[in-house]
N, C-alpha and C. Protein backbone atom coordinates (compact mmCIF):
# COMPACT_ATOMS: atom_id res chain seq x y z
N MET A 1 0.07 -67.55 67.26
CA MET A 1 -0.79 -66.39 67.07
C MET A 1 -1.00 -65.70 68.42
N SER A 2 -1.03 -64.32 68.38
CA SER A 2 -1.27 -63.55 69.59
C SER A 2 -2.74 -63.58 69.92
N ASP A 3 -3.16 -62.75 70.88
CA ASP A 3 -4.54 -62.73 71.34
C ASP A 3 -5.50 -62.49 70.19
N ASP A 4 -6.59 -63.26 70.15
CA ASP A 4 -7.63 -63.05 69.15
C ASP A 4 -8.42 -61.78 69.50
N ILE A 5 -8.98 -61.15 68.47
CA ILE A 5 -9.80 -59.96 68.66
C ILE A 5 -11.26 -60.36 68.68
N GLU A 6 -11.99 -59.90 69.67
CA GLU A 6 -13.42 -60.14 69.76
C GLU A 6 -14.13 -58.80 69.94
N GLY A 7 -15.14 -58.54 69.14
CA GLY A 7 -15.90 -57.32 69.27
C GLY A 7 -15.28 -56.15 68.52
N THR A 8 -15.89 -54.98 68.66
CA THR A 8 -15.48 -53.78 67.93
C THR A 8 -14.31 -53.10 68.63
N VAL A 9 -13.25 -52.85 67.88
CA VAL A 9 -12.07 -52.16 68.41
C VAL A 9 -12.18 -50.66 68.20
N HIS A 10 -12.70 -50.26 67.04
CA HIS A 10 -12.84 -48.83 66.74
C HIS A 10 -14.05 -48.63 65.86
N GLU A 11 -14.83 -47.59 66.14
CA GLU A 11 -15.98 -47.25 65.31
C GLU A 11 -16.19 -45.75 65.34
N SER A 12 -16.44 -45.14 64.21
CA SER A 12 -16.74 -43.72 64.15
C SER A 12 -17.84 -43.49 63.13
N ARG A 13 -18.63 -42.46 63.36
CA ARG A 13 -19.73 -42.13 62.45
C ARG A 13 -19.89 -40.63 62.44
N ARG A 14 -19.87 -40.05 61.23
CA ARG A 14 -20.06 -38.61 61.10
C ARG A 14 -20.50 -38.30 59.68
N THR A 15 -21.14 -37.16 59.52
CA THR A 15 -21.54 -36.71 58.19
C THR A 15 -20.38 -35.94 57.57
N ARG A 16 -19.98 -36.34 56.36
CA ARG A 16 -18.86 -35.69 55.68
C ARG A 16 -19.24 -35.46 54.22
N SER A 17 -18.60 -34.48 53.60
CA SER A 17 -18.86 -34.21 52.19
C SER A 17 -18.28 -35.33 51.32
N ARG A 18 -18.77 -35.43 50.09
CA ARG A 18 -18.23 -36.45 49.19
C ARG A 18 -16.74 -36.24 48.95
N ARG A 19 -16.31 -34.98 48.88
CA ARG A 19 -14.88 -34.69 48.69
C ARG A 19 -14.07 -35.17 49.88
N ALA A 20 -14.57 -34.93 51.09
CA ALA A 20 -13.85 -35.35 52.28
C ALA A 20 -13.75 -36.88 52.34
N ILE A 21 -14.82 -37.55 51.96
CA ILE A 21 -14.80 -39.01 51.93
C ILE A 21 -13.79 -39.51 50.90
N ALA A 22 -13.75 -38.84 49.74
CA ALA A 22 -12.80 -39.22 48.71
C ALA A 22 -11.36 -39.05 49.20
N SER A 23 -11.10 -37.97 49.96
CA SER A 23 -9.76 -37.75 50.51
C SER A 23 -9.38 -38.87 51.48
N TYR A 24 -10.35 -39.27 52.30
CA TYR A 24 -10.10 -40.35 53.25
C TYR A 24 -9.81 -41.66 52.52
N PHE A 25 -10.62 -41.99 51.52
CA PHE A 25 -10.38 -43.20 50.74
C PHE A 25 -9.03 -43.14 50.01
N SER A 26 -8.63 -41.93 49.62
CA SER A 26 -7.33 -41.77 48.96
C SER A 26 -6.19 -42.16 49.89
N ARG A 27 -6.29 -41.78 51.18
CA ARG A 27 -5.26 -42.15 52.14
C ARG A 27 -5.24 -43.66 52.35
N ILE A 28 -6.43 -44.27 52.39
CA ILE A 28 -6.50 -45.72 52.52
C ILE A 28 -5.86 -46.39 51.31
N ALA A 29 -6.19 -45.90 50.11
CA ALA A 29 -5.64 -46.49 48.89
C ALA A 29 -4.12 -46.37 48.84
N ARG A 30 -3.60 -45.22 49.28
CA ARG A 30 -2.15 -45.03 49.27
C ARG A 30 -1.46 -46.01 50.21
N ALA A 31 -2.05 -46.21 51.38
CA ALA A 31 -1.47 -47.15 52.35
C ALA A 31 -1.52 -48.58 51.82
N LEU A 32 -2.62 -48.95 51.18
CA LEU A 32 -2.74 -50.30 50.63
C LEU A 32 -1.71 -50.53 49.54
N ARG A 33 -1.53 -49.55 48.66
CA ARG A 33 -0.55 -49.70 47.57
C ARG A 33 0.86 -49.89 48.12
N ARG A 34 1.17 -49.17 49.19
CA ARG A 34 2.52 -49.22 49.75
C ARG A 34 2.72 -50.37 50.72
N GLY A 35 1.64 -51.11 51.03
CA GLY A 35 1.76 -52.18 52.00
C GLY A 35 1.93 -51.69 53.41
N GLU A 36 1.41 -50.48 53.71
CA GLU A 36 1.54 -49.87 55.03
C GLU A 36 0.26 -50.07 55.85
N PRO A 37 0.33 -49.89 57.17
CA PRO A 37 -0.89 -49.94 57.98
C PRO A 37 -1.92 -48.92 57.48
N VAL A 38 -3.18 -49.30 57.52
CA VAL A 38 -4.25 -48.47 56.98
C VAL A 38 -4.88 -47.64 58.10
N PRO A 39 -4.98 -46.30 57.93
CA PRO A 39 -5.62 -45.47 58.95
C PRO A 39 -7.12 -45.66 58.95
N THR A 40 -7.72 -45.78 60.13
CA THR A 40 -9.16 -45.98 60.22
C THR A 40 -9.89 -44.73 60.71
N ASP A 41 -9.16 -43.67 61.06
CA ASP A 41 -9.78 -42.42 61.45
C ASP A 41 -9.05 -41.27 60.79
N ALA A 42 -9.66 -40.09 60.79
CA ALA A 42 -9.12 -38.95 60.06
C ALA A 42 -7.74 -38.54 60.55
N ASP A 43 -7.48 -38.65 61.85
CA ASP A 43 -6.19 -38.25 62.40
C ASP A 43 -5.16 -39.36 62.37
N GLN A 44 -5.54 -40.52 61.83
CA GLN A 44 -4.65 -41.67 61.68
C GLN A 44 -4.08 -42.15 63.02
N THR A 45 -4.88 -42.06 64.08
CA THR A 45 -4.42 -42.51 65.40
C THR A 45 -4.73 -43.99 65.63
N VAL A 46 -5.59 -44.56 64.78
CA VAL A 46 -5.90 -45.98 64.83
C VAL A 46 -5.59 -46.57 63.46
N THR A 47 -4.74 -47.58 63.42
CA THR A 47 -4.39 -48.20 62.15
C THR A 47 -4.55 -49.72 62.24
N VAL A 48 -4.76 -50.32 61.09
CA VAL A 48 -4.88 -51.77 61.01
C VAL A 48 -4.09 -52.23 59.79
N GLU A 49 -3.42 -53.36 59.92
CA GLU A 49 -2.58 -53.87 58.84
C GLU A 49 -3.25 -55.08 58.19
N PRO A 50 -3.89 -54.89 57.02
CA PRO A 50 -4.59 -56.00 56.37
C PRO A 50 -3.61 -57.05 55.83
N ALA A 51 -4.14 -58.23 55.58
CA ALA A 51 -3.35 -59.28 54.93
C ALA A 51 -3.09 -58.88 53.48
N ALA A 52 -2.20 -59.60 52.82
CA ALA A 52 -1.84 -59.28 51.44
C ALA A 52 -3.03 -59.43 50.50
N GLU A 53 -3.92 -60.40 50.77
CA GLU A 53 -5.08 -60.63 49.92
C GLU A 53 -6.33 -60.86 50.77
N PRO A 54 -6.87 -59.78 51.36
CA PRO A 54 -8.07 -59.94 52.17
C PRO A 54 -9.30 -60.15 51.30
N ASP A 55 -10.35 -60.70 51.87
CA ASP A 55 -11.63 -60.81 51.18
C ASP A 55 -12.29 -59.42 51.17
N LEU A 56 -12.82 -59.04 50.02
CA LEU A 56 -13.47 -57.74 49.88
C LEU A 56 -14.96 -57.94 49.60
N GLU A 57 -15.79 -57.31 50.40
CA GLU A 57 -17.24 -57.41 50.23
C GLU A 57 -17.83 -56.02 50.07
N ILE A 58 -18.62 -55.81 49.04
CA ILE A 58 -19.28 -54.53 48.78
C ILE A 58 -20.78 -54.78 48.74
N GLU A 59 -21.53 -54.01 49.51
CA GLU A 59 -22.96 -54.23 49.62
C GLU A 59 -23.70 -52.90 49.58
N VAL A 60 -24.74 -52.82 48.76
CA VAL A 60 -25.64 -51.68 48.71
C VAL A 60 -27.01 -52.16 49.15
N GLU A 61 -27.59 -51.47 50.12
CA GLU A 61 -28.90 -51.89 50.60
C GLU A 61 -29.74 -50.68 50.98
N GLY A 62 -31.02 -50.88 51.02
CA GLY A 62 -31.94 -49.83 51.41
C GLY A 62 -32.88 -50.29 52.51
N GLU A 63 -33.22 -49.35 53.40
CA GLU A 63 -34.14 -49.66 54.50
C GLU A 63 -34.81 -48.39 54.97
N ASP A 64 -36.13 -48.37 55.00
CA ASP A 64 -36.91 -47.23 55.47
C ASP A 64 -36.53 -45.93 54.77
N GLY A 65 -36.28 -46.04 53.47
CA GLY A 65 -35.96 -44.84 52.70
C GLY A 65 -34.51 -44.42 52.73
N ASP A 66 -33.66 -45.12 53.50
CA ASP A 66 -32.23 -44.81 53.56
C ASP A 66 -31.44 -45.81 52.73
N LEU A 67 -30.41 -45.34 52.06
CA LEU A 67 -29.52 -46.19 51.29
C LEU A 67 -28.16 -46.25 51.97
N SER A 68 -27.50 -47.38 51.88
CA SER A 68 -26.16 -47.51 52.46
C SER A 68 -25.25 -48.25 51.48
N LEU A 69 -24.00 -47.82 51.47
CA LEU A 69 -22.94 -48.50 50.71
C LEU A 69 -21.92 -48.97 51.73
N GLU A 70 -21.76 -50.28 51.85
CA GLU A 70 -20.84 -50.85 52.83
C GLU A 70 -19.69 -51.53 52.10
N ILE A 71 -18.48 -51.15 52.47
CA ILE A 71 -17.26 -51.74 51.91
C ILE A 71 -16.51 -52.40 53.06
N GLU A 72 -16.31 -53.69 52.97
CA GLU A 72 -15.72 -54.43 54.08
C GLU A 72 -14.59 -55.33 53.61
N MET A 73 -13.47 -55.27 54.32
CA MET A 73 -12.36 -56.19 54.09
C MET A 73 -12.27 -57.14 55.26
N GLU A 74 -12.02 -58.41 54.99
CA GLU A 74 -11.95 -59.40 56.05
C GLU A 74 -10.75 -60.31 55.81
N TRP A 75 -10.02 -60.60 56.89
CA TRP A 75 -8.87 -61.50 56.79
C TRP A 75 -8.62 -62.12 58.16
N GLU A 76 -7.85 -63.16 58.19
CA GLU A 76 -7.51 -63.82 59.44
C GLU A 76 -6.35 -63.08 60.10
N GLY A 77 -6.56 -62.60 61.30
CA GLY A 77 -5.52 -61.83 61.96
C GLY A 77 -5.70 -61.83 63.47
N ASP A 78 -4.91 -60.99 64.15
CA ASP A 78 -4.96 -60.92 65.61
C ASP A 78 -4.63 -59.51 66.06
N ALA A 79 -4.42 -59.36 67.37
CA ALA A 79 -4.20 -58.03 67.95
C ALA A 79 -2.96 -57.34 67.41
N ASP A 80 -1.99 -58.10 66.92
CA ASP A 80 -0.77 -57.49 66.39
C ASP A 80 -1.03 -56.67 65.14
N ASP A 81 -2.19 -56.88 64.48
CA ASP A 81 -2.52 -56.15 63.27
C ASP A 81 -3.08 -54.75 63.55
N ILE A 82 -3.36 -54.43 64.82
CA ILE A 82 -4.04 -53.19 65.18
C ILE A 82 -3.19 -52.34 66.11
N GLU A 83 -3.14 -51.04 65.81
CA GLU A 83 -2.51 -50.06 66.69
C GLU A 83 -3.56 -49.02 67.04
N THR A 84 -3.78 -48.78 68.32
CA THR A 84 -4.86 -47.89 68.74
C THR A 84 -4.39 -46.56 69.33
N ASP A 85 -3.12 -46.34 69.40
CA ASP A 85 -2.62 -45.07 69.95
C ASP A 85 -1.43 -44.61 69.11
N VAL A 86 -1.69 -44.46 67.81
CA VAL A 86 -0.62 -44.15 66.87
C VAL A 86 -0.39 -42.64 66.81
N VAL A 87 0.86 -42.24 66.79
CA VAL A 87 1.22 -40.87 66.47
C VAL A 87 1.75 -40.90 65.04
N ALA A 88 0.83 -40.77 64.09
CA ALA A 88 1.18 -40.98 62.69
C ALA A 88 2.04 -39.86 62.13
N SER A 89 1.83 -38.64 62.62
CA SER A 89 2.55 -37.51 62.06
C SER A 89 3.94 -37.37 62.67
N LYS A 90 4.87 -36.98 61.82
CA LYS A 90 6.23 -36.68 62.27
C LYS A 90 6.45 -35.17 62.32
N ALA A 91 5.37 -34.42 62.37
CA ALA A 91 5.49 -32.96 62.34
C ALA A 91 4.53 -32.33 63.34
N THR A 92 4.76 -31.04 63.62
CA THR A 92 3.94 -30.27 64.55
C THR A 92 3.64 -28.91 63.94
N PHE A 93 2.37 -28.48 64.05
CA PHE A 93 2.02 -27.12 63.68
C PHE A 93 2.45 -26.18 64.81
N GLU A 94 3.24 -25.18 64.49
CA GLU A 94 3.65 -24.17 65.46
C GLU A 94 2.87 -22.89 65.18
N LEU A 95 2.12 -22.43 66.17
CA LEU A 95 1.34 -21.20 66.07
C LEU A 95 2.05 -20.14 66.90
N TYR A 96 2.39 -18.99 66.28
CA TYR A 96 3.20 -18.01 67.00
C TYR A 96 2.89 -16.59 66.52
N GLU A 97 3.31 -15.64 67.33
CA GLU A 97 3.17 -14.22 67.03
C GLU A 97 4.53 -13.66 66.65
N ASP A 98 4.61 -13.02 65.47
CA ASP A 98 5.91 -12.52 65.01
C ASP A 98 6.21 -11.15 65.61
N SER A 99 7.35 -10.56 65.21
CA SER A 99 7.79 -9.28 65.78
C SER A 99 6.86 -8.12 65.42
N ALA A 100 6.05 -8.32 64.36
CA ALA A 100 5.10 -7.29 63.95
C ALA A 100 3.72 -7.52 64.57
N GLU A 101 3.67 -8.45 65.56
CA GLU A 101 2.44 -8.80 66.25
C GLU A 101 1.39 -9.38 65.31
N GLN A 102 1.86 -10.10 64.31
CA GLN A 102 1.00 -10.84 63.41
C GLN A 102 1.07 -12.32 63.78
N TRP A 103 -0.07 -13.01 63.70
CA TRP A 103 -0.10 -14.42 64.02
C TRP A 103 0.22 -15.26 62.78
N ARG A 104 1.09 -16.22 62.94
CA ARG A 104 1.54 -17.07 61.84
C ARG A 104 1.57 -18.53 62.27
N TRP A 105 1.67 -19.42 61.28
CA TRP A 105 1.85 -20.84 61.57
C TRP A 105 2.91 -21.41 60.64
N ARG A 106 3.54 -22.47 61.12
CA ARG A 106 4.48 -23.24 60.30
C ARG A 106 4.37 -24.70 60.72
N LEU A 107 4.67 -25.58 59.80
CA LEU A 107 4.64 -27.01 60.07
C LEU A 107 6.08 -27.49 60.12
N ARG A 108 6.52 -27.89 61.32
CA ARG A 108 7.91 -28.28 61.51
C ARG A 108 8.03 -29.79 61.68
N HIS A 109 8.88 -30.41 60.84
CA HIS A 109 9.15 -31.84 60.94
C HIS A 109 10.00 -32.10 62.17
N ARG A 110 9.92 -33.31 62.68
CA ARG A 110 10.70 -33.63 63.89
C ARG A 110 12.21 -33.54 63.64
N ASN A 111 12.64 -33.54 62.35
CA ASN A 111 14.07 -33.38 62.06
C ASN A 111 14.50 -31.92 62.14
N GLY A 112 13.55 -31.03 62.46
CA GLY A 112 13.85 -29.61 62.63
C GLY A 112 13.50 -28.75 61.43
N ASN A 113 13.27 -29.35 60.27
CA ASN A 113 12.96 -28.59 59.06
C ASN A 113 11.52 -28.10 59.06
N VAL A 114 11.33 -26.86 58.63
CA VAL A 114 9.99 -26.35 58.40
C VAL A 114 9.57 -26.79 57.01
N ILE A 115 8.53 -27.61 56.92
CA ILE A 115 8.13 -28.19 55.63
C ILE A 115 6.95 -27.45 54.99
N ALA A 116 6.32 -26.54 55.73
CA ALA A 116 5.24 -25.72 55.18
C ALA A 116 4.97 -24.55 56.11
N ASP A 117 4.44 -23.47 55.54
CA ASP A 117 3.98 -22.35 56.37
C ASP A 117 2.83 -21.66 55.66
N GLY A 118 2.20 -20.73 56.38
CA GLY A 118 1.03 -20.05 55.84
C GLY A 118 1.36 -18.95 54.86
N GLY A 119 2.61 -18.48 54.88
CA GLY A 119 3.04 -17.47 53.92
C GLY A 119 2.58 -16.06 54.22
N GLU A 120 1.76 -15.87 55.24
CA GLU A 120 1.29 -14.53 55.58
C GLU A 120 0.98 -14.46 57.07
N GLY A 121 0.90 -13.24 57.57
CA GLY A 121 0.53 -13.03 58.95
C GLY A 121 -0.93 -12.67 59.08
N TYR A 122 -1.50 -12.96 60.24
CA TYR A 122 -2.91 -12.68 60.51
C TYR A 122 -3.02 -11.74 61.71
N ALA A 123 -3.99 -10.83 61.65
CA ALA A 123 -4.18 -9.90 62.76
C ALA A 123 -4.69 -10.61 64.00
N LYS A 124 -5.44 -11.69 63.81
CA LYS A 124 -6.03 -12.41 64.93
C LYS A 124 -5.53 -13.85 64.97
N LYS A 125 -5.36 -14.36 66.18
CA LYS A 125 -4.93 -15.75 66.35
C LYS A 125 -5.93 -16.71 65.73
N GLN A 126 -7.23 -16.41 65.88
CA GLN A 126 -8.25 -17.31 65.36
C GLN A 126 -8.14 -17.47 63.85
N ASN A 127 -7.76 -16.39 63.16
CA ASN A 127 -7.61 -16.48 61.71
C ASN A 127 -6.45 -17.40 61.33
N ALA A 128 -5.37 -17.34 62.11
CA ALA A 128 -4.25 -18.25 61.86
C ALA A 128 -4.65 -19.69 62.15
N THR A 129 -5.43 -19.88 63.21
CA THR A 129 -5.94 -21.21 63.54
C THR A 129 -6.84 -21.73 62.42
N ASN A 130 -7.68 -20.85 61.87
CA ASN A 130 -8.53 -21.24 60.76
C ASN A 130 -7.69 -21.66 59.55
N GLY A 131 -6.56 -20.98 59.36
CA GLY A 131 -5.66 -21.34 58.27
C GLY A 131 -5.10 -22.74 58.45
N ILE A 132 -4.71 -23.07 59.67
CA ILE A 132 -4.23 -24.41 59.96
C ILE A 132 -5.32 -25.44 59.67
N GLU A 133 -6.53 -25.16 60.12
CA GLU A 133 -7.63 -26.10 59.91
C GLU A 133 -7.93 -26.31 58.43
N SER A 134 -7.79 -25.25 57.63
CA SER A 134 -8.01 -25.39 56.19
C SER A 134 -6.97 -26.30 55.56
N VAL A 135 -5.72 -26.17 56.00
CA VAL A 135 -4.66 -27.03 55.48
C VAL A 135 -4.87 -28.48 55.94
N GLN A 136 -5.26 -28.65 57.20
CA GLN A 136 -5.53 -30.00 57.71
C GLN A 136 -6.63 -30.67 56.90
N LYS A 137 -7.63 -29.90 56.51
CA LYS A 137 -8.77 -30.44 55.79
C LYS A 137 -8.46 -30.73 54.33
N ASN A 138 -7.66 -29.86 53.70
CA ASN A 138 -7.51 -29.91 52.24
C ASN A 138 -6.20 -30.49 51.72
N ALA A 139 -5.13 -30.45 52.50
CA ALA A 139 -3.84 -30.92 51.98
C ALA A 139 -3.78 -32.42 51.70
N PRO A 140 -4.30 -33.28 52.59
CA PRO A 140 -4.11 -34.72 52.38
C PRO A 140 -4.63 -35.24 51.04
N GLY A 141 -5.76 -34.72 50.57
CA GLY A 141 -6.34 -35.24 49.33
C GLY A 141 -6.21 -34.32 48.14
N ALA A 142 -5.38 -33.29 48.25
CA ALA A 142 -5.27 -32.32 47.17
C ALA A 142 -4.57 -32.90 45.95
N ALA A 143 -5.08 -32.56 44.76
CA ALA A 143 -4.44 -32.96 43.51
C ALA A 143 -3.17 -32.14 43.31
N VAL A 144 -2.31 -32.60 42.39
CA VAL A 144 -1.05 -31.91 42.09
C VAL A 144 -1.09 -31.41 40.66
N ASP A 145 -0.92 -30.11 40.48
CA ASP A 145 -0.89 -29.49 39.16
C ASP A 145 0.55 -29.09 38.86
N ASP A 146 1.21 -29.86 37.98
CA ASP A 146 2.60 -29.57 37.60
C ASP A 146 2.60 -28.49 36.53
N GLN A 147 2.86 -27.25 36.95
CA GLN A 147 2.83 -26.12 36.04
C GLN A 147 4.16 -25.87 35.35
N SER A 148 5.17 -26.68 35.68
CA SER A 148 6.49 -26.47 35.11
C SER A 148 6.61 -26.96 33.67
N ASN A 149 5.74 -27.91 33.29
CA ASN A 149 5.79 -28.39 31.90
C ASN A 149 4.41 -28.76 31.37
N ASP A 150 3.38 -28.12 31.96
CA ASP A 150 2.00 -28.30 31.49
C ASP A 150 1.54 -29.75 31.56
N GLU A 151 2.03 -30.50 32.54
CA GLU A 151 1.54 -31.86 32.72
C GLU A 151 0.10 -31.83 33.21
N ALA A 152 -0.63 -32.90 32.93
CA ALA A 152 -2.01 -33.00 33.41
C ALA A 152 -2.02 -33.04 34.94
N VAL A 153 -3.08 -32.52 35.51
CA VAL A 153 -3.21 -32.54 36.97
C VAL A 153 -3.36 -33.97 37.45
N GLU A 154 -2.56 -34.34 38.48
CA GLU A 154 -2.69 -35.65 39.10
C GLU A 154 -3.89 -35.60 40.04
N THR A 155 -4.93 -36.31 39.72
CA THR A 155 -6.18 -36.22 40.48
C THR A 155 -6.37 -37.44 41.39
N GLU A 156 -5.33 -37.80 42.14
CA GLU A 156 -5.43 -38.95 43.04
C GLU A 156 -6.41 -38.70 44.16
N GLY A 157 -6.42 -37.51 44.67
CA GLY A 157 -7.27 -37.23 45.81
C GLY A 157 -8.40 -36.28 45.45
N ALA A 158 -9.07 -35.77 46.45
CA ALA A 158 -10.17 -34.84 46.23
C ALA A 158 -10.24 -33.90 47.42
N SER A 159 -10.12 -32.60 47.16
CA SER A 159 -10.25 -31.60 48.21
C SER A 159 -10.63 -30.30 47.53
N LYS A 160 -10.74 -29.24 48.31
CA LYS A 160 -11.06 -27.93 47.76
C LYS A 160 -9.79 -27.13 47.48
N ALA A 161 -8.67 -27.81 47.36
CA ALA A 161 -7.40 -27.14 47.08
C ALA A 161 -6.55 -27.99 46.15
N THR A 162 -5.57 -27.35 45.53
CA THR A 162 -4.67 -28.04 44.60
C THR A 162 -3.23 -27.62 44.89
N PHE A 163 -2.32 -28.59 44.92
CA PHE A 163 -0.91 -28.27 44.99
C PHE A 163 -0.42 -27.83 43.62
N GLU A 164 0.15 -26.64 43.55
CA GLU A 164 0.74 -26.14 42.30
C GLU A 164 2.25 -26.31 42.37
N LEU A 165 2.80 -27.08 41.46
CA LEU A 165 4.24 -27.32 41.39
C LEU A 165 4.79 -26.48 40.24
N PHE A 166 5.78 -25.62 40.52
CA PHE A 166 6.23 -24.69 39.48
C PHE A 166 7.73 -24.39 39.62
N GLU A 167 8.30 -23.83 38.56
CA GLU A 167 9.71 -23.43 38.53
C GLU A 167 9.78 -21.91 38.64
N ASP A 168 10.56 -21.40 39.59
CA ASP A 168 10.63 -19.96 39.78
C ASP A 168 11.67 -19.33 38.85
N ASN A 169 11.85 -18.01 38.96
CA ASN A 169 12.75 -17.29 38.06
C ASN A 169 14.20 -17.68 38.25
N ALA A 170 14.53 -18.25 39.41
CA ALA A 170 15.90 -18.66 39.68
C ALA A 170 16.18 -20.09 39.23
N GLY A 171 15.15 -20.75 38.68
CA GLY A 171 15.33 -22.13 38.23
C GLY A 171 15.10 -23.16 39.31
N ASP A 172 14.63 -22.73 40.48
CA ASP A 172 14.31 -23.67 41.55
C ASP A 172 12.85 -24.10 41.44
N TYR A 173 12.56 -25.31 41.95
CA TYR A 173 11.19 -25.82 41.93
C TYR A 173 10.55 -25.55 43.29
N ARG A 174 9.29 -25.12 43.24
CA ARG A 174 8.55 -24.78 44.44
C ARG A 174 7.13 -25.34 44.37
N TRP A 175 6.46 -25.36 45.52
CA TRP A 175 5.04 -25.73 45.55
C TRP A 175 4.28 -24.77 46.42
N ARG A 176 3.01 -24.64 46.11
CA ARG A 176 2.08 -23.87 46.94
C ARG A 176 0.73 -24.59 46.89
N LEU A 177 -0.05 -24.43 47.93
CA LEU A 177 -1.36 -25.07 48.02
C LEU A 177 -2.41 -23.98 47.87
N ARG A 178 -3.12 -24.03 46.73
CA ARG A 178 -4.10 -22.98 46.42
C ARG A 178 -5.52 -23.53 46.61
N HIS A 179 -6.33 -22.80 47.37
CA HIS A 179 -7.73 -23.17 47.59
C HIS A 179 -8.53 -22.85 46.34
N ASP A 180 -9.69 -23.49 46.21
CA ASP A 180 -10.57 -23.23 45.07
C ASP A 180 -11.00 -21.77 44.99
N ASN A 181 -10.98 -21.07 46.13
CA ASN A 181 -11.36 -19.65 46.13
C ASN A 181 -10.24 -18.74 45.65
N GLY A 182 -9.09 -19.33 45.28
CA GLY A 182 -7.97 -18.56 44.74
C GLY A 182 -6.88 -18.25 45.76
N GLU A 183 -7.17 -18.40 47.04
CA GLU A 183 -6.19 -18.07 48.07
C GLU A 183 -5.13 -19.16 48.22
N ILE A 184 -3.89 -18.72 48.43
CA ILE A 184 -2.81 -19.65 48.73
C ILE A 184 -2.83 -19.89 50.24
N ILE A 185 -3.09 -21.14 50.64
CA ILE A 185 -3.26 -21.43 52.06
C ILE A 185 -2.00 -22.05 52.68
N ALA A 186 -1.02 -22.43 51.84
CA ALA A 186 0.25 -22.96 52.36
C ALA A 186 1.27 -22.96 51.23
N ASP A 187 2.52 -22.89 51.61
CA ASP A 187 3.59 -23.08 50.62
C ASP A 187 4.80 -23.71 51.30
N GLY A 188 5.75 -24.15 50.48
CA GLY A 188 6.91 -24.86 51.00
C GLY A 188 7.95 -23.96 51.62
N GLY A 189 7.88 -22.66 51.31
CA GLY A 189 8.80 -21.71 51.92
C GLY A 189 10.23 -21.77 51.43
N GLN A 190 10.52 -22.65 50.48
CA GLN A 190 11.87 -22.75 49.97
C GLN A 190 11.85 -23.30 48.55
N GLY A 191 12.96 -23.12 47.84
CA GLY A 191 13.09 -23.68 46.51
C GLY A 191 13.90 -24.97 46.55
N TYR A 192 13.63 -25.86 45.60
CA TYR A 192 14.33 -27.14 45.51
C TYR A 192 15.10 -27.21 44.19
N ALA A 193 16.24 -27.87 44.22
CA ALA A 193 17.07 -27.97 43.03
C ALA A 193 16.44 -28.85 41.96
N SER A 194 15.58 -29.78 42.35
CA SER A 194 14.95 -30.68 41.38
C SER A 194 13.45 -30.75 41.64
N LYS A 195 12.71 -31.08 40.58
CA LYS A 195 11.28 -31.24 40.70
C LYS A 195 10.95 -32.40 41.64
N GLN A 196 11.74 -33.46 41.58
CA GLN A 196 11.49 -34.62 42.42
C GLN A 196 11.57 -34.25 43.90
N LYS A 197 12.55 -33.40 44.27
CA LYS A 197 12.68 -32.97 45.66
C LYS A 197 11.47 -32.13 46.09
N ALA A 198 10.99 -31.30 45.18
CA ALA A 198 9.81 -30.49 45.50
C ALA A 198 8.59 -31.39 45.71
N LYS A 199 8.45 -32.41 44.86
CA LYS A 199 7.34 -33.35 45.02
C LYS A 199 7.45 -34.09 46.34
N GLN A 200 8.67 -34.47 46.71
CA GLN A 200 8.85 -35.15 47.99
C GLN A 200 8.45 -34.23 49.14
N GLY A 201 8.74 -32.94 48.99
CA GLY A 201 8.37 -31.97 50.02
C GLY A 201 6.87 -31.87 50.21
N LEU A 202 6.13 -31.78 49.11
CA LEU A 202 4.68 -31.66 49.26
C LEU A 202 4.05 -32.98 49.70
N ARG A 203 4.64 -34.12 49.28
CA ARG A 203 4.12 -35.41 49.75
C ARG A 203 4.34 -35.56 51.25
N SER A 204 5.45 -35.00 51.75
CA SER A 204 5.70 -35.05 53.19
C SER A 204 4.64 -34.26 53.95
N VAL A 205 4.22 -33.14 53.37
CA VAL A 205 3.15 -32.34 53.98
C VAL A 205 1.85 -33.14 53.98
N GLN A 206 1.51 -33.75 52.84
CA GLN A 206 0.28 -34.54 52.77
C GLN A 206 0.27 -35.66 53.81
N THR A 207 1.42 -36.28 54.01
CA THR A 207 1.52 -37.41 54.93
C THR A 207 1.44 -36.97 56.39
N ASN A 208 2.06 -35.82 56.69
CA ASN A 208 2.23 -35.43 58.08
C ASN A 208 1.19 -34.46 58.63
N VAL A 209 0.39 -33.85 57.75
CA VAL A 209 -0.66 -32.95 58.23
C VAL A 209 -1.69 -33.69 59.09
N PRO A 210 -2.22 -34.85 58.65
CA PRO A 210 -3.19 -35.56 59.51
C PRO A 210 -2.54 -35.99 60.82
N GLY A 211 -3.15 -35.61 61.92
CA GLY A 211 -2.62 -36.02 63.22
C GLY A 211 -1.55 -35.12 63.80
N ALA A 212 -1.11 -34.11 63.05
CA ALA A 212 -0.07 -33.23 63.57
C ALA A 212 -0.65 -32.34 64.68
N PRO A 213 -0.07 -32.34 65.87
CA PRO A 213 -0.59 -31.49 66.94
C PRO A 213 -0.31 -30.00 66.66
N VAL A 214 -1.08 -29.14 67.30
CA VAL A 214 -0.89 -27.69 67.18
C VAL A 214 -0.35 -27.18 68.51
N GLU A 215 0.80 -26.53 68.49
CA GLU A 215 1.42 -26.01 69.70
C GLU A 215 1.63 -24.51 69.57
N GLU A 216 1.17 -23.76 70.54
CA GLU A 216 1.38 -22.30 70.53
C GLU A 216 2.75 -22.01 71.11
N GLN A 217 3.54 -21.24 70.37
CA GLN A 217 4.89 -20.90 70.78
C GLN A 217 4.90 -19.60 71.59
N ASP A 218 5.79 -19.54 72.58
CA ASP A 218 5.93 -18.33 73.38
C ASP A 218 6.58 -17.22 72.56
């Protein structure tokens, strides 16, 4: 066994909406199902790899008028189970000004492919930055609405946006991320020959948005 862990390795505390908490738990659940390291922060820079069958403890308690719900997993492990400087994302947000002097963003995978963009230009850089922040906040836990055959919405996550999966007039499958206010805040920018490929495209966005750095292009 490698070095034993003593004391707190990572701790964070912040007020978040119930939807945001649900999105975070959704990422944890996805990692557990796949047997992958579990992210302990929103940007997935700290991960821990639980044992196959950890002990699970759930506790609800009250003190001085405050209520708390504590969910704790415990297992025998060591320092090899923890990564504290993870670059979880394989993509980068590129913020740039186009030839019409409009500010735009795109999410580029390290393989060179653009896997998402904002679909529109903004008069101000701050508005484009706000668009990126909206995608960062809402894409990871967004449900998927398959509009190509009226399938029920997959409600795995929780956010203020929904991925719409649809077939265009050319017979290609596409996705777009629509906010609850009706605005499209991201799309795939391309058509796919199969629905499965389109789903893989939007899942790649969900996986790579958390932790993706933002770089302003010249």
